[in-house]
Amino acid sequence: MQAKFLTLVHHRNVVFLVGYCDEGDAKALIYEYLSKGNLQEQLSGLLSYIFFVLVGFFNKLKCVNNLG
């Protein structure tokens, strides 16, 4: 019953639940395909980029402090 309710939820920030299976021992949730990857992949790329920018910033800051 709860899975059926989730198929009715639509929001741009929530993955759409396409369907579900609840037959005997077989239980599964079927979500829409995410062509740009999942949230973990998106965040890991973003965090890598932020780390790269911060390392560059602190290296430049260190150089400026050594000049003064």
N, C-alpha and C. Protein backbone atom coordinates (compact mmCIF):
# COMPACT_ATOMS: atom_id res chain seq x y z
N MET A 1 0.82 -1.20 0.00
CA MET A 1 0.00 0.00 0.00
C MET A 1 0.86 1.26 0.00
N GLN A 2 1.96 1.30 0.80
CA GLN A 2 2.82 2.48 0.84
C GLN A 2 3.53 2.67 -0.49
N ALA A 3 3.98 1.58 -1.11
CA ALA A 3 4.65 1.69 -2.40
C ALA A 3 3.70 2.24 -3.45
N LYS A 4 2.46 1.83 -3.42
CA LYS A 4 1.48 2.34 -4.38
C LYS A 4 1.29 3.84 -4.20
N PHE A 5 1.29 4.31 -2.95
CA PHE A 5 1.17 5.74 -2.68
C PHE A 5 2.37 6.50 -3.25
N LEU A 6 3.58 5.92 -3.13
CA LEU A 6 4.79 6.59 -3.63
C LEU A 6 4.78 6.77 -5.14
N THR A 7 4.05 5.94 -5.85
CA THR A 7 3.96 6.12 -7.31
C THR A 7 3.17 7.38 -7.67
N LEU A 8 2.44 7.92 -6.72
CA LEU A 8 1.64 9.13 -6.96
C LEU A 8 2.42 10.41 -6.66
N VAL A 9 3.56 10.30 -5.98
CA VAL A 9 4.34 11.47 -5.60
C VAL A 9 5.17 11.95 -6.79
N HIS A 10 5.01 13.21 -7.13
CA HIS A 10 5.77 13.81 -8.23
C HIS A 10 6.34 15.14 -7.76
N HIS A 11 7.65 15.26 -7.84
CA HIS A 11 8.34 16.50 -7.48
C HIS A 11 9.64 16.55 -8.25
N ARG A 12 10.08 17.73 -8.64
CA ARG A 12 11.28 17.83 -9.47
C ARG A 12 12.55 17.39 -8.75
N ASN A 13 12.53 17.36 -7.42
CA ASN A 13 13.72 16.96 -6.65
C ASN A 13 13.63 15.54 -6.12
N VAL A 14 12.61 14.81 -6.52
CA VAL A 14 12.43 13.44 -6.05
C VAL A 14 12.38 12.50 -7.26
N VAL A 15 13.12 11.40 -7.16
CA VAL A 15 13.12 10.40 -8.24
C VAL A 15 11.75 9.76 -8.30
N PHE A 16 11.25 9.61 -9.50
CA PHE A 16 9.92 9.04 -9.71
C PHE A 16 9.95 7.52 -9.56
N LEU A 17 9.05 7.00 -8.75
CA LEU A 17 8.90 5.56 -8.58
C LEU A 17 7.98 5.06 -9.69
N VAL A 18 8.54 4.28 -10.60
CA VAL A 18 7.78 3.79 -11.76
C VAL A 18 6.83 2.67 -11.36
N GLY A 19 7.29 1.78 -10.50
CA GLY A 19 6.45 0.66 -10.09
C GLY A 19 7.11 -0.15 -9.00
N TYR A 20 6.47 -1.24 -8.65
CA TYR A 20 7.00 -2.09 -7.59
C TYR A 20 6.51 -3.52 -7.80
N CYS A 21 7.21 -4.45 -7.16
CA CYS A 21 6.83 -5.85 -7.20
C CYS A 21 6.77 -6.36 -5.76
N ASP A 22 5.67 -6.98 -5.41
CA ASP A 22 5.51 -7.54 -4.07
C ASP A 22 4.77 -8.86 -4.20
N GLU A 23 5.47 -9.85 -4.76
CA GLU A 23 4.89 -11.16 -4.98
C GLU A 23 5.70 -12.21 -4.23
N GLY A 24 5.15 -12.72 -3.15
CA GLY A 24 5.85 -13.75 -2.38
C GLY A 24 7.15 -13.22 -1.82
N ASP A 25 8.26 -13.89 -2.13
CA ASP A 25 9.57 -13.46 -1.67
C ASP A 25 10.17 -12.37 -2.56
N ALA A 26 9.59 -12.13 -3.72
CA ALA A 26 10.12 -11.13 -4.66
C ALA A 26 9.57 -9.75 -4.30
N LYS A 27 10.49 -8.86 -3.90
CA LYS A 27 10.11 -7.49 -3.58
C LYS A 27 11.10 -6.56 -4.26
N ALA A 28 10.60 -5.57 -4.99
CA ALA A 28 11.48 -4.64 -5.70
C ALA A 28 10.77 -3.32 -5.93
N LEU A 29 11.56 -2.26 -5.96
CA LEU A 29 11.08 -0.93 -6.33
C LEU A 29 11.76 -0.56 -7.64
N ILE A 30 11.01 -0.03 -8.59
CA ILE A 30 11.55 0.33 -9.89
C ILE A 30 11.45 1.84 -10.04
N TYR A 31 12.63 2.48 -10.10
CA TYR A 31 12.70 3.93 -10.21
C TYR A 31 13.04 4.34 -11.63
N GLU A 32 12.80 5.63 -11.95
CA GLU A 32 13.13 6.15 -13.26
C GLU A 32 14.64 6.11 -13.48
N TYR A 33 15.04 6.06 -14.74
CA TYR A 33 16.46 6.05 -15.11
C TYR A 33 17.01 7.47 -15.00
N LEU A 34 18.17 7.61 -14.37
CA LEU A 34 18.81 8.91 -14.23
C LEU A 34 19.98 8.99 -15.21
N SER A 35 19.79 9.69 -16.30
CA SER A 35 20.79 9.73 -17.36
C SER A 35 22.08 10.44 -16.95
N LYS A 36 22.02 11.32 -15.95
CA LYS A 36 23.22 12.04 -15.51
C LYS A 36 23.86 11.38 -14.30
N GLY A 37 23.47 10.18 -13.96
CA GLY A 37 24.04 9.48 -12.81
C GLY A 37 23.23 9.73 -11.56
N ASN A 38 23.60 9.04 -10.51
CA ASN A 38 22.86 9.18 -9.26
C ASN A 38 23.42 10.32 -8.42
N LEU A 39 22.79 10.59 -7.29
CA LEU A 39 23.18 11.70 -6.43
C LEU A 39 24.60 11.51 -5.91
N GLN A 40 24.96 10.30 -5.56
CA GLN A 40 26.31 10.04 -5.05
C GLN A 40 27.36 10.41 -6.10
N GLU A 41 27.12 10.04 -7.35
CA GLU A 41 28.06 10.38 -8.42
C GLU A 41 28.14 11.88 -8.63
N GLN A 42 27.01 12.56 -8.58
CA GLN A 42 26.99 14.02 -8.75
C GLN A 42 27.74 14.72 -7.62
N LEU A 43 27.49 14.30 -6.37
CA LEU A 43 28.14 14.92 -5.23
C LEU A 43 29.63 14.62 -5.20
N SER A 44 30.01 13.41 -5.57
CA SER A 44 31.42 13.06 -5.53
C SER A 44 32.19 13.90 -6.54
N GLY A 45 31.63 14.15 -7.70
CA GLY A 45 32.28 15.02 -8.68
C GLY A 45 32.37 16.45 -8.18
N LEU A 46 31.32 16.94 -7.55
CA LEU A 46 31.29 18.29 -7.01
C LEU A 46 32.30 18.44 -5.88
N LEU A 47 32.35 17.46 -4.98
CA LEU A 47 33.29 17.52 -3.86
C LEU A 47 34.73 17.47 -4.33
N SER A 48 35.01 16.68 -5.35
CA SER A 48 36.36 16.62 -5.92
C SER A 48 36.76 17.99 -6.48
N TYR A 49 35.83 18.63 -7.17
CA TYR A 49 36.10 19.95 -7.75
C TYR A 49 36.35 20.97 -6.64
N ILE A 50 35.52 20.97 -5.59
CA ILE A 50 35.69 21.91 -4.48
C ILE A 50 37.05 21.69 -3.80
N PHE A 51 37.43 20.44 -3.60
CA PHE A 51 38.72 20.13 -2.99
C PHE A 51 39.86 20.66 -3.85
N PHE A 52 39.77 20.46 -5.18
CA PHE A 52 40.78 20.94 -6.11
C PHE A 52 40.91 22.46 -6.03
N VAL A 53 39.80 23.17 -5.98
CA VAL A 53 39.81 24.64 -5.89
C VAL A 53 40.42 25.08 -4.57
N LEU A 54 40.04 24.44 -3.47
CA LEU A 54 40.57 24.82 -2.16
C LEU A 54 42.07 24.58 -2.05
N VAL A 55 42.55 23.48 -2.58
CA VAL A 55 43.99 23.20 -2.55
C VAL A 55 44.74 24.29 -3.32
N GLY A 56 44.24 24.65 -4.48
CA GLY A 56 44.86 25.72 -5.26
C GLY A 56 44.85 27.05 -4.52
N PHE A 57 43.74 27.36 -3.88
CA PHE A 57 43.62 28.61 -3.12
C PHE A 57 44.63 28.65 -1.98
N PHE A 58 44.71 27.58 -1.21
CA PHE A 58 45.62 27.57 -0.07
C PHE A 58 47.09 27.55 -0.51
N ASN A 59 47.39 26.93 -1.63
CA ASN A 59 48.76 26.99 -2.15
C ASN A 59 49.14 28.42 -2.53
N LYS A 60 48.22 29.14 -3.16
CA LYS A 60 48.48 30.54 -3.52
C LYS A 60 48.59 31.41 -2.28
N LEU A 61 47.75 31.16 -1.29
CA LEU A 61 47.79 31.90 -0.03
C LEU A 61 49.13 31.68 0.66
N LYS A 62 49.62 30.46 0.63
CA LYS A 62 50.91 30.13 1.24
C LYS A 62 52.04 30.89 0.53
N CYS A 63 51.97 30.95 -0.79
CA CYS A 63 52.99 31.68 -1.56
C CYS A 63 52.95 33.16 -1.21
N VAL A 64 51.78 33.76 -1.10
CA VAL A 64 51.64 35.18 -0.79
C VAL A 64 52.21 35.46 0.60
N ASN A 65 51.94 34.59 1.57
CA ASN A 65 52.44 34.78 2.92
C ASN A 65 53.95 34.65 2.97
N ASN A 66 54.55 33.80 2.14
CA ASN A 66 56.00 33.65 2.10
C ASN A 66 56.68 34.87 1.48
N LEU A 67 55.98 35.60 0.60
CA LEU A 67 56.56 36.80 -0.04
C LEU A 67 56.59 37.97 0.92
N GLY A 68 55.61 38.05 1.83
CA GLY A 68 55.46 39.21 2.71
C GLY A 68 56.41 39.18 3.83
